[in-house]
Amino acid sequence: MFDYTNLICIHLTSLRSLTEIDEMIENMEFTNMDADELWQMKKNGIQKIWLDASSLDLVYWIDRENGRKNILINEDYISGLREMKSISYKKVKKSDFALTTDKTESNIDSILDKINEHGIDSLTKKERDILDNAK
């Protein structure tokens, strides 16, 4: 899956000429980046672009159309977004939270005791999941 923490953002609005784009590419050592293509993107209203820092693939970009900001995502990366885990939220009463926290802490303490006595390889999948979720 794509690493969304490994992105570079380029503000095309801050680059005023093709020469400045060329200089930016040279200074950043983006050897496989095309200055003319970036200049054309800027002329077409694209304000910012985000690139994969490793491959320099275009991941997503912002443009303005009819006074509205649009965020567009490269089709190749949409599947990665769809595969990302979502967070579930369930509203609980404060009293329930205290009981859950105490029980969870008790479970974690017993799991840590088990690791201390028998090593980490002695844990069951359920015990590993409890520790992973406690992070």
Protein backbone atom coordinates (compact mmCIF):
# COMPACT_ATOMS: atom_id res chain seq x y z
CA MET A 1 0.00 0.00 0.00
CA PHE A 2 1.11 3.57 -0.68
CA ASP A 3 2.83 5.47 2.16
CA TYR A 4 0.89 8.71 2.56
CA THR A 5 3.46 10.07 5.01
CA ASN A 6 6.14 10.20 2.31
CA LEU A 7 4.85 13.15 0.28
CA ILE A 8 6.39 16.34 -1.08
CA CYS A 9 4.17 19.40 -1.56
CA ILE A 10 5.04 21.97 -4.22
CA HIS A 11 3.22 25.31 -4.18
CA LEU A 12 3.04 26.16 -7.86
CA THR A 13 1.57 29.56 -7.02
CA SER A 14 4.89 30.57 -5.44
CA LEU A 15 6.83 29.80 -8.65
CA ARG A 16 6.49 32.83 -10.91
CA SER A 17 8.31 31.65 -14.03
CA LEU A 18 9.53 28.64 -15.92
CA THR A 19 13.06 29.66 -14.88
CA GLU A 20 12.09 29.45 -11.18
CA ILE A 21 10.60 26.00 -11.78
CA ASP A 22 13.82 24.90 -13.49
CA GLU A 23 15.84 26.22 -10.53
CA MET A 24 13.60 24.44 -8.03
CA ILE A 25 13.97 21.15 -9.93
CA GLU A 26 17.74 21.57 -10.05
CA ASN A 27 18.05 22.55 -6.37
CA MET A 28 15.86 19.65 -5.23
CA GLU A 29 17.62 17.23 -7.61
CA PHE A 30 14.33 16.10 -9.16
CA THR A 31 16.07 14.70 -12.22
CA ASN A 32 13.01 13.07 -13.78
CA MET A 33 10.67 16.05 -13.32
CA ASP A 34 9.58 18.10 -16.33
CA ALA A 35 9.60 21.89 -15.79
CA ASP A 36 7.39 22.51 -18.83
CA GLU A 37 4.78 20.10 -17.47
CA LEU A 38 4.76 21.89 -14.09
CA TRP A 39 4.51 25.27 -15.80
CA GLN A 40 1.54 24.03 -17.85
CA MET A 41 -0.14 22.75 -14.67
CA LYS A 42 0.32 26.18 -13.08
CA LYS A 43 -1.12 27.91 -16.17
CA ASN A 44 -4.11 25.54 -15.99
CA GLY A 45 -4.92 26.72 -12.47
CA ILE A 46 -3.31 24.00 -10.39
CA GLN A 47 -2.08 25.64 -7.19
CA LYS A 48 -0.41 22.83 -5.22
CA ILE A 49 0.73 19.33 -6.03
CA TRP A 50 1.74 16.45 -3.79
CA LEU A 51 4.28 13.95 -5.06
CA ASP A 52 5.51 10.62 -3.78
CA ALA A 53 8.97 11.52 -2.45
CA SER A 54 10.51 8.29 -3.77
CA SER A 55 9.07 8.04 -7.27
CA LEU A 56 7.94 11.67 -7.78
CA ASP A 57 4.59 10.31 -8.99
CA LEU A 58 1.79 12.85 -8.80
CA VAL A 59 -0.53 11.78 -5.96
CA TYR A 60 -3.01 14.65 -5.67
CA TRP A 61 -3.37 18.32 -6.48
CA ILE A 62 -5.50 21.39 -5.85
CA ASP A 63 -6.88 23.59 -8.56
CA ARG A 64 -9.42 26.36 -8.82
CA GLU A 65 -12.34 26.16 -11.16
CA ASN A 66 -15.09 28.78 -11.21
CA GLY A 67 -13.78 30.22 -7.93
CA ARG A 68 -13.96 26.84 -6.14
CA LYS A 69 -11.05 24.81 -4.81
CA ASN A 70 -10.95 21.23 -6.05
CA ILE A 71 -8.80 18.45 -4.65
CA LEU A 72 -8.10 15.82 -7.28
CA ILE A 73 -6.55 12.43 -6.56
CA ASN A 74 -4.51 10.37 -8.99
CA GLU A 75 -6.56 7.26 -9.85
CA ASP A 76 -3.61 4.99 -9.04
CA TYR A 77 -3.68 6.06 -5.38
CA ILE A 78 -7.43 5.93 -4.77
CA SER A 79 -7.30 2.18 -4.11
CA GLY A 80 -4.78 2.84 -1.33
CA LEU A 81 -7.19 5.28 0.27
CA ARG A 82 -9.98 2.71 0.05
CA GLU A 83 -7.78 0.12 1.79
CA MET A 84 -6.96 2.37 4.74
CA LYS A 85 -8.43 1.32 8.07
CA SER A 86 -11.19 3.51 9.41
CA ILE A 87 -11.71 4.39 13.03
CA SER A 88 -14.91 3.27 14.72
CA TYR A 89 -16.35 5.46 17.42
CA LYS A 90 -18.90 4.43 19.98
CA LYS A 91 -20.13 6.91 22.55
CA VAL A 92 -19.79 5.58 26.10
CA LYS A 93 -20.72 6.89 29.51
CA LYS A 94 -17.87 8.05 31.75
CA SER A 95 -18.66 5.29 34.24
CA ASP A 96 -18.39 2.66 31.47
CA PHE A 97 -15.09 4.12 30.35
CA ALA A 98 -13.60 3.82 33.84
CA LEU A 99 -14.61 0.14 34.04
CA THR A 100 -13.28 -0.58 30.55
CA THR A 101 -9.99 1.19 31.30
CA ASP A 102 -9.50 -0.72 34.56
CA LYS A 103 -10.26 -4.04 32.84
CA THR A 104 -7.93 -3.23 29.92
CA GLU A 105 -5.12 -2.21 32.28
CA SER A 106 -5.60 -5.44 34.21
CA ASN A 107 -5.41 -7.46 30.97
CA ILE A 108 -2.28 -5.63 29.87
CA ASP A 109 -0.63 -6.15 33.25
CA SER A 110 -1.27 -9.90 33.11
CA ILE A 111 0.02 -10.07 29.51
CA LEU A 112 3.19 -8.19 30.48
CA ASP A 113 3.67 -10.57 33.42
CA LYS A 114 3.35 -13.50 31.00
CA ILE A 115 5.97 -11.96 28.69
CA ASN A 116 8.26 -11.43 31.68
CA GLU A 117 7.93 -15.08 32.75
CA HIS A 118 7.72 -16.94 29.42
CA GLY A 119 8.84 -14.51 26.70
CA ILE A 120 6.92 -12.72 23.95
CA ASP A 121 6.57 -15.88 21.84
CA SER A 122 4.27 -17.35 24.51
CA LEU A 123 1.50 -14.84 23.70
CA THR A 124 -1.68 -15.85 21.89
CA LYS A 125 -2.97 -13.87 18.93
CA LYS A 126 -5.67 -12.35 21.15
CA GLU A 127 -3.04 -11.19 23.68
CA ARG A 128 -0.93 -9.66 20.90
CA ASP A 129 -4.02 -7.86 19.57
CA ILE A 130 -4.75 -6.45 23.05
CA LEU A 131 -1.20 -5.07 23.26
CA ASP A 132 -1.35 -3.67 19.72
CA ASN A 133 -4.65 -1.91 20.45
CA ALA A 134 -3.27 -0.48 23.70
CA LYS A 135 -0.60 1.56 21.87
